Amino acid sequence: MKILPFKIAKPVNESFWIQREDLAHMYDILHQHDEMQITLIREGTGTLIAGNRVCEFVAGDIFVFGYKLPHAFRNDPAYYHPENGLVARSTSVYFEWNVPGQTFWNLPENRLLTEFAAKTERGIFFPANTHWQLASDIEKLAEVTEIDRLILLLSVLKQLALSPNAVMLSTEGAYSKLNENDEKRLDAVYRFTMNEFHRTINLDEIAGIANMTVNSFCRYFKTRTRKSYLDFLTEYRIGQACKMLQQEEMSIADIAFHVGFGNLSNFNRKFKEINGCTPREFRMKQEK
């Protein structure tokens, strides 16, 4: 799979557009586009790729992607089996930031929004259950028309810019400059990792997925993602462990082995390095 220069279907006589989706699973091909995107997850769970970040998403989460930030939503495996009857629902807002013109954005009253726009090039995450009004307003964008829609969009952007709960996704870097060959390799590496993280993955194997030698792959991955592949793999495994600690009744030791750690002490150490607490402390916090 390669990154796609995705083209949004733009409605006639509208400066921005809303897309409500109720599908078996979300669009899971790594892609990028010129438009800024605001996506509210209405129903469904899975994994998001945004720049060099991979994280979990649940219903109620809100994500913002800036200009040409590569991204893809991949629902959990159960969504790819129609017999489960699961549906992934989302509402997305797309708009070209430069349409109003630089004169408009240079107005002193818009400084908050222009600073926010610069941050979106790394992608921003707004956790579920912390933005009820914002989620409601994103949904209302599909209902109002003309000047009311424009005013509401500015209100949504203001709420996003002022949110104290915003989480930056990618580390700093010019992700819009990645070419299709780069993203073809990265997409293959990401997909393989998400499918096989539960077992041992050595560098020879993952380098083969990218059709590169081990040394070339390690340099390539570090240059494109600002982290080593082993760090990326560890972060993804810990993310899956967090999900299981919240949803499963398995023991911590079983979870550690299920997500690909062959050693419980190593799992506990890595978990605390990334989350600032032990797996047991993490589970206790979720139960309160």
C-alpha atoms as a PDB file:
ATOM      1  CA  MET A   1       0.000   0.000   0.000  1.00  0.00           C
ATOM      2  CA  LYS A   2       1.260   3.515  -0.721  1.00  0.00           C
ATOM      3  CA  ILE A   3       0.316   6.930   0.494  1.00  0.00           C
ATOM      4  CA  LEU A   4      -2.419   8.445  -1.645  1.00  0.00           C
ATOM      5  CA  PRO A   5      -2.671  12.107  -2.664  1.00  0.00           C
ATOM      6  CA  PHE A   6      -6.267  11.849  -1.479  1.00  0.00           C
ATOM      7  CA  LYS A   7      -8.861  14.040  -3.208  1.00  0.00           C
ATOM      8  CA  ILE A   8     -11.841  15.139  -1.132  1.00  0.00           C
ATOM      9  CA  ALA A   9     -15.160  15.315  -3.002  1.00  0.00           C
ATOM     10  CA  LYS A  10     -15.981  19.000  -2.656  1.00  0.00           C
ATOM     11  CA  PRO A  11     -19.670  20.015  -2.758  1.00  0.00           C
ATOM     12  CA  VAL A  12     -20.642  22.881  -5.050  1.00  0.00           C
ATOM     13  CA  ASN A  13     -21.113  26.311  -3.446  1.00  0.00           C
ATOM     14  CA  GLU A  14     -19.658  25.343  -0.065  1.00  0.00           C
ATOM     15  CA  SER A  15     -16.365  26.592   1.365  1.00  0.00           C
ATOM     16  CA  PHE A  16     -16.021  23.562   3.637  1.00  0.00           C
ATOM     17  CA  TRP A  17     -17.797  20.264   3.828  1.00  0.00           C
ATOM     18  CA  ILE A  18     -18.972  17.624   6.269  1.00  0.00           C
ATOM     19  CA  GLN A  19     -18.667  13.871   5.800  1.00  0.00           C
ATOM     20  CA  ARG A  20     -20.680  11.531   8.042  1.00  0.00           C
ATOM     21  CA  GLU A  21     -19.721   7.864   7.698  1.00  0.00           C
ATOM     22  CA  ASP A  22     -21.455   4.754   8.966  1.00  0.00           C
ATOM     23  CA  LEU A  23     -19.350   1.901   7.592  1.00  0.00           C
ATOM     24  CA  ALA A  24     -18.083  -1.548   8.492  1.00  0.00           C
ATOM     25  CA  HIS A  25     -14.688   0.045   9.144  1.00  0.00           C
ATOM     26  CA  MET A  26     -13.014   3.416   8.623  1.00  0.00           C
ATOM     27  CA  TYR A  27     -10.769   4.319   5.692  1.00  0.00           C
ATOM     28  CA  ASP A  28      -7.537   2.538   6.594  1.00  0.00           C
ATOM     29  CA  ILE A  29      -5.135   3.392   3.759  1.00  0.00           C
ATOM     30  CA  LEU A  30      -2.356   5.784   4.699  1.00  0.00           C
ATOM     31  CA  HIS A  31      -3.154   9.021   2.832  1.00  0.00           C
ATOM     32  CA  GLN A  32      -2.731  12.781   2.880  1.00  0.00           C
ATOM     33  CA  HIS A  33      -4.591  15.780   1.476  1.00  0.00           C
ATOM     34  CA  ASP A  34      -4.364  19.565   1.320  1.00  0.00           C
ATOM     35  CA  GLU A  35      -7.395  20.190   3.515  1.00  0.00           C
ATOM     36  CA  MET A  36      -7.372  20.490   7.295  1.00  0.00           C
ATOM     37  CA  GLN A  37      -9.446  17.651   8.765  1.00  0.00           C
ATOM     38  CA  ILE A  38     -11.389  17.494  12.037  1.00  0.00           C
ATOM     39  CA  THR A  39     -12.735  14.002  12.819  1.00  0.00           C
ATOM     40  CA  LEU A  40     -15.086  12.992  15.626  1.00  0.00           C
ATOM     41  CA  ILE A  41     -15.270   9.249  16.319  1.00  0.00           C
ATOM     42  CA  ARG A  42     -18.961   8.590  17.021  1.00  0.00           C
ATOM     43  CA  GLU A  43     -18.676   4.820  17.349  1.00  0.00           C
ATOM     44  CA  GLY A  44     -15.851   2.322  17.054  1.00  0.00           C
ATOM     45  CA  THR A  45     -12.403   1.486  18.357  1.00  0.00           C
ATOM     46  CA  GLY A  46      -9.062   0.930  16.694  1.00  0.00           C
ATOM     47  CA  THR A  47      -5.640   2.354  15.927  1.00  0.00           C
ATOM     48  CA  LEU A  48      -4.689   5.690  14.383  1.00  0.00           C
ATOM     49  CA  ILE A  49      -1.515   6.372  12.414  1.00  0.00           C
ATOM     50  CA  ALA A  50      -0.642  10.084  12.173  1.00  0.00           C
ATOM     51  CA  GLY A  51       2.831  11.120  11.063  1.00  0.00           C
ATOM     52  CA  ASN A  52       5.163   9.060  13.264  1.00  0.00           C
ATOM     53  CA  ARG A  53       2.573   8.401  15.976  1.00  0.00           C
ATOM     54  CA  VAL A  54       0.453   5.297  16.434  1.00  0.00           C
ATOM     55  CA  CYS A  55      -2.243   5.443  19.127  1.00  0.00           C
ATOM     56  CA  GLU A  56      -5.595   3.947  20.043  1.00  0.00           C
ATOM     57  CA  PHE A  57      -8.951   5.638  19.438  1.00  0.00           C
ATOM     58  CA  VAL A  58     -12.385   5.153  21.000  1.00  0.00           C
ATOM     59  CA  ALA A  59     -15.838   6.687  20.586  1.00  0.00           C
ATOM     60  CA  GLY A  60     -15.847  10.361  21.530  1.00  0.00           C
ATOM     61  CA  ASP A  61     -12.236  11.041  20.546  1.00  0.00           C
ATOM     62  CA  ILE A  62     -11.568  14.028  18.277  1.00  0.00           C
ATOM     63  CA  PHE A  63      -8.567  14.346  15.944  1.00  0.00           C
ATOM     64  CA  VAL A  64      -7.285  17.243  13.858  1.00  0.00           C
ATOM     65  CA  PHE A  65      -4.881  16.761  10.937  1.00  0.00           C
ATOM     66  CA  GLY A  66      -3.172  19.691   9.246  1.00  0.00           C
ATOM     67  CA  TYR A  67      -1.846  20.153   5.732  1.00  0.00           C
ATOM     68  CA  LYS A  68      -0.691  16.877   4.148  1.00  0.00           C
ATOM     69  CA  LEU A  69      -0.148  15.043   7.444  1.00  0.00           C
ATOM     70  CA  PRO A  70      -0.162  11.314   6.520  1.00  0.00           C
ATOM     71  CA  HIS A  71      -2.845   9.489   8.500  1.00  0.00           C
ATOM     72  CA  ALA A  72      -5.070   6.425   8.564  1.00  0.00           C
ATOM     73  CA  PHE A  73      -7.669   4.954  10.902  1.00  0.00           C
ATOM     74  CA  ARG A  74      -7.614   1.174  11.279  1.00  0.00           C
ATOM     75  CA  ASN A  75     -10.447  -0.346  13.279  1.00  0.00           C
ATOM     76  CA  ASP A  76      -9.888  -3.353  15.530  1.00  0.00           C
ATOM     77  CA  PRO A  77      -9.817  -6.740  13.732  1.00  0.00           C
ATOM     78  CA  ALA A  78     -13.413  -7.560  14.739  1.00  0.00           C
ATOM     79  CA  TYR A  79     -14.680  -4.775  12.447  1.00  0.00           C
ATOM     80  CA  TYR A  80     -13.302  -6.580   9.396  1.00  0.00           C
ATOM     81  CA  HIS A  81     -15.634  -9.547   9.949  1.00  0.00           C
ATOM     82  CA  PRO A  82     -19.185  -8.636   8.802  1.00  0.00           C
ATOM     83  CA  GLU A  83     -20.701 -11.421  10.877  1.00  0.00           C
ATOM     84  CA  ASN A  84     -19.896  -9.384  14.011  1.00  0.00           C
ATOM     85  CA  GLY A  85     -22.350  -6.692  12.952  1.00  0.00           C
ATOM     86  CA  LEU A  86     -20.054  -3.850  14.076  1.00  0.00           C
ATOM     87  CA  VAL A  87     -20.258  -0.352  12.594  1.00  0.00           C
ATOM     88  CA  ALA A  88     -17.655   2.434  12.597  1.00  0.00           C
ATOM     89  CA  ARG A  89     -19.285   5.871  12.716  1.00  0.00           C
ATOM     90  CA  SER A  90     -17.509   9.186  12.333  1.00  0.00           C
ATOM     91  CA  THR A  91     -18.103  12.811  11.381  1.00  0.00           C
ATOM     92  CA  SER A  92     -15.339  14.707   9.582  1.00  0.00           C
ATOM     93  CA  VAL A  93     -14.997  18.357   8.620  1.00  0.00           C
ATOM     94  CA  TYR A  94     -12.709  19.292   5.719  1.00  0.00           C
ATOM     95  CA  PHE A  95     -11.659  22.782   4.702  1.00  0.00           C
ATOM     96  CA  GLU A  96      -8.812  24.542   2.938  1.00  0.00           C
ATOM     97  CA  TRP A  97      -7.212  26.901   5.417  1.00  0.00           C
ATOM     98  CA  ASN A  98      -6.105  29.425   2.797  1.00  0.00           C
ATOM     99  CA  VAL A  99      -9.527  29.908   1.182  1.00  0.00           C
ATOM    100  CA  PRO A 100     -10.386  33.028   3.290  1.00  0.00           C
ATOM    101  CA  GLY A 101      -7.051  34.512   2.241  1.00  0.00           C
ATOM    102  CA  GLN A 102      -3.937  35.527   4.131  1.00  0.00           C
ATOM    103  CA  THR A 103      -5.316  39.008   4.804  1.00  0.00           C
ATOM    104  CA  PHE A 104      -8.130  37.499   6.866  1.00  0.00           C
ATOM    105  CA  TRP A 105      -5.855  35.193   8.872  1.00  0.00           C
ATOM    106  CA  ASN A 106      -3.381  38.014   9.484  1.00  0.00           C
ATOM    107  CA  LEU A 107      -5.993  39.991  11.378  1.00  0.00           C
ATOM    108  CA  PRO A 108      -4.836  40.399  15.003  1.00  0.00           C
ATOM    109  CA  GLU A 109      -8.117  38.887  16.187  1.00  0.00           C
ATOM    110  CA  ASN A 110      -7.158  35.623  14.453  1.00  0.00           C
ATOM    111  CA  ARG A 111      -3.759  35.146  16.082  1.00  0.00           C
ATOM    112  CA  LEU A 112      -5.096  32.339  18.313  1.00  0.00           C
ATOM    113  CA  LEU A 113      -6.398  30.424  15.300  1.00  0.00           C
ATOM    114  CA  THR A 114      -3.297  30.877  13.140  1.00  0.00           C
ATOM    115  CA  GLU A 115      -1.107  29.593  15.975  1.00  0.00           C
ATOM    116  CA  PHE A 116      -3.432  26.609  16.301  1.00  0.00           C
ATOM    117  CA  ALA A 117      -3.263  25.930  12.549  1.00  0.00           C
ATOM    118  CA  ALA A 118       0.534  25.704  12.729  1.00  0.00           C
ATOM    119  CA  LYS A 119       0.261  23.060  15.452  1.00  0.00           C
ATOM    120  CA  THR A 120      -2.123  20.907  13.411  1.00  0.00           C
ATOM    121  CA  GLU A 121       0.677  19.991  11.008  1.00  0.00           C
ATOM    122  CA  ARG A 122       1.763  17.527  13.708  1.00  0.00           C
ATOM    123  CA  GLY A 123      -1.797  16.337  14.361  1.00  0.00           C
ATOM    124  CA  ILE A 124      -3.700  16.933  17.596  1.00  0.00           C
ATOM    125  CA  PHE A 125      -5.756  14.537  19.733  1.00  0.00           C
ATOM    126  CA  PHE A 126      -8.651  15.591  21.994  1.00  0.00           C
ATOM    127  CA  PRO A 127      -9.602  12.689  24.317  1.00  0.00           C
ATOM    128  CA  ALA A 128     -13.165  11.447  24.667  1.00  0.00           C
ATOM    129  CA  ASN A 129     -15.269  12.584  27.644  1.00  0.00           C
ATOM    130  CA  THR A 130     -13.469  15.939  27.914  1.00  0.00           C
ATOM    131  CA  HIS A 131     -15.105  17.816  25.031  1.00  0.00           C
ATOM    132  CA  TRP A 132     -18.876  17.253  25.142  1.00  0.00           C
ATOM    133  CA  GLN A 133     -19.792  20.699  23.786  1.00  0.00           C
ATOM    134  CA  LEU A 134     -17.155  20.504  21.081  1.00  0.00           C
ATOM    135  CA  ALA A 135     -18.403  17.107  19.895  1.00  0.00           C
ATOM    136  CA  SER A 136     -21.962  18.436  19.832  1.00  0.00           C
ATOM    137  CA  ASP A 137     -20.940  21.473  17.772  1.00  0.00           C
ATOM    138  CA  ILE A 138     -19.064  19.301  15.254  1.00  0.00           C
ATOM    139  CA  GLU A 139     -22.252  17.299  14.764  1.00  0.00           C
ATOM    140  CA  LYS A 140     -24.321  20.501  14.389  1.00  0.00           C
ATOM    141  CA  LEU A 141     -22.098  21.619  11.496  1.00  0.00           C
ATOM    142  CA  ALA A 142     -23.917  19.067   9.355  1.00  0.00           C
ATOM    143  CA  GLU A 143     -27.278  20.647  10.212  1.00  0.00           C
ATOM    144  CA  VAL A 144     -26.803  24.416   9.948  1.00  0.00           C
ATOM    145  CA  THR A 145     -26.316  26.342   6.711  1.00  0.00           C
ATOM    146  CA  GLU A 146     -24.720  29.454   5.237  1.00  0.00           C
ATOM    147  CA  ILE A 147     -23.510  32.092   7.709  1.00  0.00           C
ATOM    148  CA  ASP A 148     -24.525  30.009  10.733  1.00  0.00           C
ATOM    149  CA  ARG A 149     -22.263  27.214   9.548  1.00  0.00           C
ATOM    150  CA  LEU A 150     -19.303  29.568   9.107  1.00  0.00           C
ATOM    151  CA  ILE A 151     -19.825  31.094  12.563  1.00  0.00           C
ATOM    152  CA  LEU A 152     -20.092  27.634  14.127  1.00  0.00           C
ATOM    153  CA  LEU A 153     -16.884  26.487  12.381  1.00  0.00           C
ATOM    154  CA  LEU A 154     -15.008  29.450  13.868  1.00  0.00           C
ATOM    155  CA  SER A 155     -16.459  28.528  17.270  1.00  0.00           C
ATOM    156  CA  VAL A 156     -15.266  24.927  16.852  1.00  0.00           C
ATOM    157  CA  LEU A 157     -11.773  26.126  15.913  1.00  0.00           C
ATOM    158  CA  LYS A 158     -11.731  28.442  18.928  1.00  0.00           C
ATOM    159  CA  GLN A 159     -12.713  25.595  21.275  1.00  0.00           C
ATOM    160  CA  LEU A 160     -10.016  23.389  19.788  1.00  0.00           C
ATOM    161  CA  ALA A 161      -7.389  26.127  20.124  1.00  0.00           C
ATOM    162  CA  LEU A 162      -8.286  26.847  23.759  1.00  0.00           C
ATOM    163  CA  SER A 163      -8.654  23.252  24.937  1.00  0.00           C
ATOM    164  CA  PRO A 164      -6.408  22.399  27.928  1.00  0.00           C
ATOM    165  CA  ASN A 165      -6.697  18.696  27.064  1.00  0.00           C
ATOM    166  CA  ALA A 166      -5.121  18.779  23.604  1.00  0.00           C
ATOM    167  CA  VAL A 167      -2.398  16.186  22.978  1.00  0.00           C
ATOM    168  CA  MET A 168       0.129  16.607  20.170  1.00  0.00           C
ATOM    169  CA  LEU A 169       0.452  13.470  18.080  1.00  0.00           C
ATOM    170  CA  SER A 170       3.612  13.480  15.956  1.00  0.00           C
ATOM    171  CA  THR A 171       6.989  14.842  16.898  1.00  0.00           C
ATOM    172  CA  GLU A 172       8.099  17.877  14.910  1.00  0.00           C
ATOM    173  CA  GLY A 173       9.017  17.286  11.301  1.00  0.00           C
ATOM    174  CA  ALA A 174       7.986  18.042   7.717  1.00  0.00           C
ATOM    175  CA  TYR A 175       5.721  15.050   7.097  1.00  0.00           C
ATOM    176  CA  SER A 176       4.184  16.744   4.068  1.00  0.00           C
ATOM    177  CA  LYS A 177       7.505  16.247   2.246  1.00  0.00           C
ATOM    178  CA  LEU A 178       7.464  12.449   2.428  1.00  0.00           C
ATOM    179  CA  ASN A 179       7.197  10.956  -1.050  1.00  0.00           C
ATOM    180  CA  GLU A 180       5.072   8.049  -2.222  1.00  0.00           C
ATOM    181  CA  ASN A 181       7.922   5.535  -2.121  1.00  0.00           C
ATOM    182  CA  ASP A 182       8.659   6.459   1.492  1.00  0.00           C
ATOM    183  CA  GLU A 183       5.041   6.046   2.482  1.00  0.00           C
ATOM    184  CA  LYS A 184       4.645   2.806   0.556  1.00  0.00           C
ATOM    185  CA  ARG A 185       7.350   1.318   2.757  1.00  0.00           C
ATOM    186  CA  LEU A 186       6.038   2.911   5.959  1.00  0.00           C
ATOM    187  CA  ASP A 187       2.502   1.712   5.301  1.00  0.00           C
ATOM    188  CA  ALA A 188       3.766  -1.849   4.785  1.00  0.00           C
ATOM    189  CA  VAL A 189       5.840  -1.651   7.988  1.00  0.00           C
ATOM    190  CA  TYR A 190       2.933  -0.237  10.011  1.00  0.00           C
ATOM    191  CA  ARG A 191       0.470  -2.835   8.750  1.00  0.00           C
ATOM    192  CA  PHE A 192       2.863  -5.709   9.372  1.00  0.00           C
ATOM    193  CA  THR A 193       3.584  -4.446  12.888  1.00  0.00           C
ATOM    194  CA  MET A 194      -0.089  -4.079  13.779  1.00  0.00           C
ATOM    195  CA  ASN A 195      -0.788  -7.618  12.560  1.00  0.00           C
ATOM    196  CA  GLU A 196       2.271  -9.340  14.059  1.00  0.00           C
ATOM    197  CA  PHE A 197       3.204  -7.349  17.203  1.00  0.00           C
ATOM    198  CA  HIS A 198       2.153 -10.236  19.462  1.00  0.00           C
ATOM    199  CA  ARG A 199       5.170 -12.344  18.431  1.00  0.00           C
ATOM    200  CA  THR A 200       8.914 -11.857  18.113  1.00  0.00           C
ATOM    201  CA  ILE A 201       9.813  -9.553  15.207  1.00  0.00           C
ATOM    202  CA  ASN A 202      13.498  -9.315  14.395  1.00  0.00           C
ATOM    203  CA  LEU A 203      15.137  -6.618  12.326  1.00  0.00           C
ATOM    204  CA  ASP A 204      15.938  -9.000   9.462  1.00  0.00           C
ATOM    205  CA  GLU A 205      12.232  -9.751   9.062  1.00  0.00           C
ATOM    206  CA  ILE A 206      10.964  -6.169   9.203  1.00  0.00           C
ATOM    207  CA  ALA A 207      13.758  -4.977   6.910  1.00  0.00           C
ATOM    208  CA  GLY A 208      12.595  -7.620   4.436  1.00  0.00           C
ATOM    209  CA  ILE A 209       9.071  -6.179   4.544  1.00  0.00           C
ATOM    210  CA  ALA A 210      10.570  -2.840   3.470  1.00  0.00           C
ATOM    211  CA  ASN A 211      12.783  -4.563   0.861  1.00  0.00           C
ATOM    212  CA  MET A 212      15.926  -3.145   2.461  1.00  0.00           C
ATOM    213  CA  THR A 213      19.004  -4.365   4.277  1.00  0.00           C
ATOM    214  CA  VAL A 214      18.899  -4.126   8.067  1.00  0.00           C
ATOM    215  CA  ASN A 215      21.333  -1.211   8.259  1.00  0.00           C
ATOM    216  CA  SER A 216      19.563   0.698   5.491  1.00  0.00           C
ATOM    217  CA  PHE A 217      16.169   0.074   7.046  1.00  0.00           C
ATOM    218  CA  CYS A 218      17.259   1.249  10.508  1.00  0.00           C
ATOM    219  CA  ARG A 219      18.627   4.493   9.061  1.00  0.00           C
ATOM    220  CA  TYR A 220      15.564   4.935   6.851  1.00  0.00           C
ATOM    221  CA  PHE A 221      13.032   4.381   9.632  1.00  0.00           C
ATOM    222  CA  LYS A 222      14.862   6.643  12.092  1.00  0.00           C
ATOM    223  CA  THR A 223      15.138   9.425   9.512  1.00  0.00           C
ATOM    224  CA  ARG A 224      11.446   9.283   8.555  1.00  0.00           C
ATOM    225  CA  THR A 225       9.914   8.763  12.014  1.00  0.00           C
ATOM    226  CA  ARG A 226      12.471  10.270  14.448  1.00  0.00           C
ATOM    227  CA  LYS A 227      12.576   7.012  16.418  1.00  0.00           C
ATOM    228  CA  SER A 228      14.062   3.543  16.038  1.00  0.00           C
ATOM    229  CA  TYR A 229      11.882   0.693  14.853  1.00  0.00           C
ATOM    230  CA  LEU A 230      12.363  -1.165  18.150  1.00  0.00           C
ATOM    231  CA  ASP A 231      11.176   1.907  20.074  1.00  0.00           C
ATOM    232  CA  PHE A 232       8.178   2.169  17.775  1.00  0.00           C
ATOM    233  CA  LEU A 233       7.367  -1.524  18.244  1.00  0.00           C
ATOM    234  CA  THR A 234       7.666  -1.221  22.028  1.00  0.00           C
ATOM    235  CA  GLU A 235       5.392   1.833  22.108  1.00  0.00           C
ATOM    236  CA  TYR A 236       2.778   0.036  20.020  1.00  0.00           C
ATOM    237  CA  ARG A 237       2.897  -3.050  22.233  1.00  0.00           C
ATOM    238  CA  ILE A 238       2.516  -0.946  25.380  1.00  0.00           C
ATOM    239  CA  GLY A 239      -0.433   0.847  23.774  1.00  0.00           C
ATOM    240  CA  GLN A 240      -2.117  -2.490  23.127  1.00  0.00           C
ATOM    241  CA  ALA A 241      -1.379  -3.542  26.707  1.00  0.00           C
ATOM    242  CA  CYS A 242      -3.070  -0.376  28.027  1.00  0.00           C
ATOM    243  CA  LYS A 243      -6.142  -1.251  26.009  1.00  0.00           C
ATOM    244  CA  MET A 244      -6.232  -4.777  27.378  1.00  0.00           C
ATOM    245  CA  LEU A 245      -5.706  -3.602  30.951  1.00  0.00           C
ATOM    246  CA  GLN A 246      -8.894  -1.551  30.596  1.00  0.00           C
ATOM    247  CA  GLN A 247     -10.998  -4.131  28.778  1.00  0.00           C
ATOM    248  CA  GLU A 248      -9.752  -7.615  29.644  1.00  0.00           C
ATOM    249  CA  GLU A 249      -9.768  -9.719  32.804  1.00  0.00           C
ATOM    250  CA  MET A 250      -6.425 -11.314  31.926  1.00  0.00           C
ATOM    251  CA  SER A 251      -3.574 -11.221  34.406  1.00  0.00           C
ATOM    252  CA  ILE A 252      -0.809  -8.686  33.847  1.00  0.00           C
ATOM    253  CA  ALA A 253       1.629 -11.503  33.080  1.00  0.00           C
ATOM    254  CA  ASP A 254      -0.702 -12.932  30.417  1.00  0.00           C
ATOM    255  CA  ILE A 255      -1.171  -9.495  28.872  1.00  0.00           C
ATOM    256  CA  ALA A 256       2.596  -8.973  28.750  1.00  0.00           C
ATOM    257  CA  PHE A 257       3.092 -12.204  26.810  1.00  0.00           C
ATOM    258  CA  HIS A 258       0.029 -11.553  24.635  1.00  0.00           C
ATOM    259  CA  VAL A 259       1.458  -8.251  23.351  1.00  0.00           C
ATOM    260  CA  GLY A 260       4.846  -9.729  22.531  1.00  0.00           C
ATOM    261  CA  PHE A 261       6.988  -9.372  25.665  1.00  0.00           C
ATOM    262  CA  GLY A 262       8.855 -12.533  26.568  1.00  0.00           C
ATOM    263  CA  ASN A 263       9.885 -11.168  29.941  1.00  0.00           C
ATOM    264  CA  LEU A 264       7.499  -9.768  32.574  1.00  0.00           C
ATOM    265  CA  SER A 265      10.088  -7.572  34.294  1.00  0.00           C
ATOM    266  CA  ASN A 266      11.026  -5.999  30.960  1.00  0.00           C
ATOM    267  CA  PHE A 267       7.337  -5.362  30.255  1.00  0.00           C
ATOM    268  CA  ASN A 268       6.864  -3.666  33.642  1.00  0.00           C
ATOM    269  CA  ARG A 269       9.965  -1.526  33.127  1.00  0.00           C
ATOM    270  CA  LYS A 270       9.008  -0.390  29.621  1.00  0.00           C
ATOM    271  CA  PHE A 271       5.413   0.231  30.680  1.00  0.00           C
ATOM    272  CA  LYS A 272       6.519   2.545  33.487  1.00  0.00           C
ATOM    273  CA  GLU A 273       8.997   4.365  31.219  1.00  0.00           C
ATOM    274  CA  ILE A 274       6.212   5.186  28.771  1.00  0.00           C
ATOM    275  CA  ASN A 275       3.228   5.717  31.083  1.00  0.00           C
ATOM    276  CA  GLY A 276       4.850   6.846  34.323  1.00  0.00           C
ATOM    277  CA  CYS A 277       3.193   4.083  36.331  1.00  0.00           C
ATOM    278  CA  THR A 278       3.218   0.297  36.586  1.00  0.00           C
ATOM    279  CA  PRO A 279       0.633  -1.860  34.777  1.00  0.00           C
ATOM    280  CA  ARG A 280      -1.018  -2.612  38.128  1.00  0.00           C
ATOM    281  CA  GLU A 281      -1.253   1.089  39.007  1.00  0.00           C
ATOM    282  CA  PHE A 282      -2.637   1.813  35.533  1.00  0.00           C
ATOM    283  CA  ARG A 283      -5.365  -0.823  35.922  1.00  0.00           C
ATOM    284  CA  MET A 284      -6.306   0.478  39.375  1.00  0.00           C
ATOM    285  CA  LYS A 285      -6.717   4.006  38.002  1.00  0.00           C
ATOM    286  CA  GLN A 286      -9.091   2.732  35.327  1.00  0.00           C
ATOM    287  CA  GLU A 287     -11.208   0.898  37.884  1.00  0.00           C
ATOM    288  CA  LYS A 288     -11.829   4.011  40.024  1.00  0.00           C
END
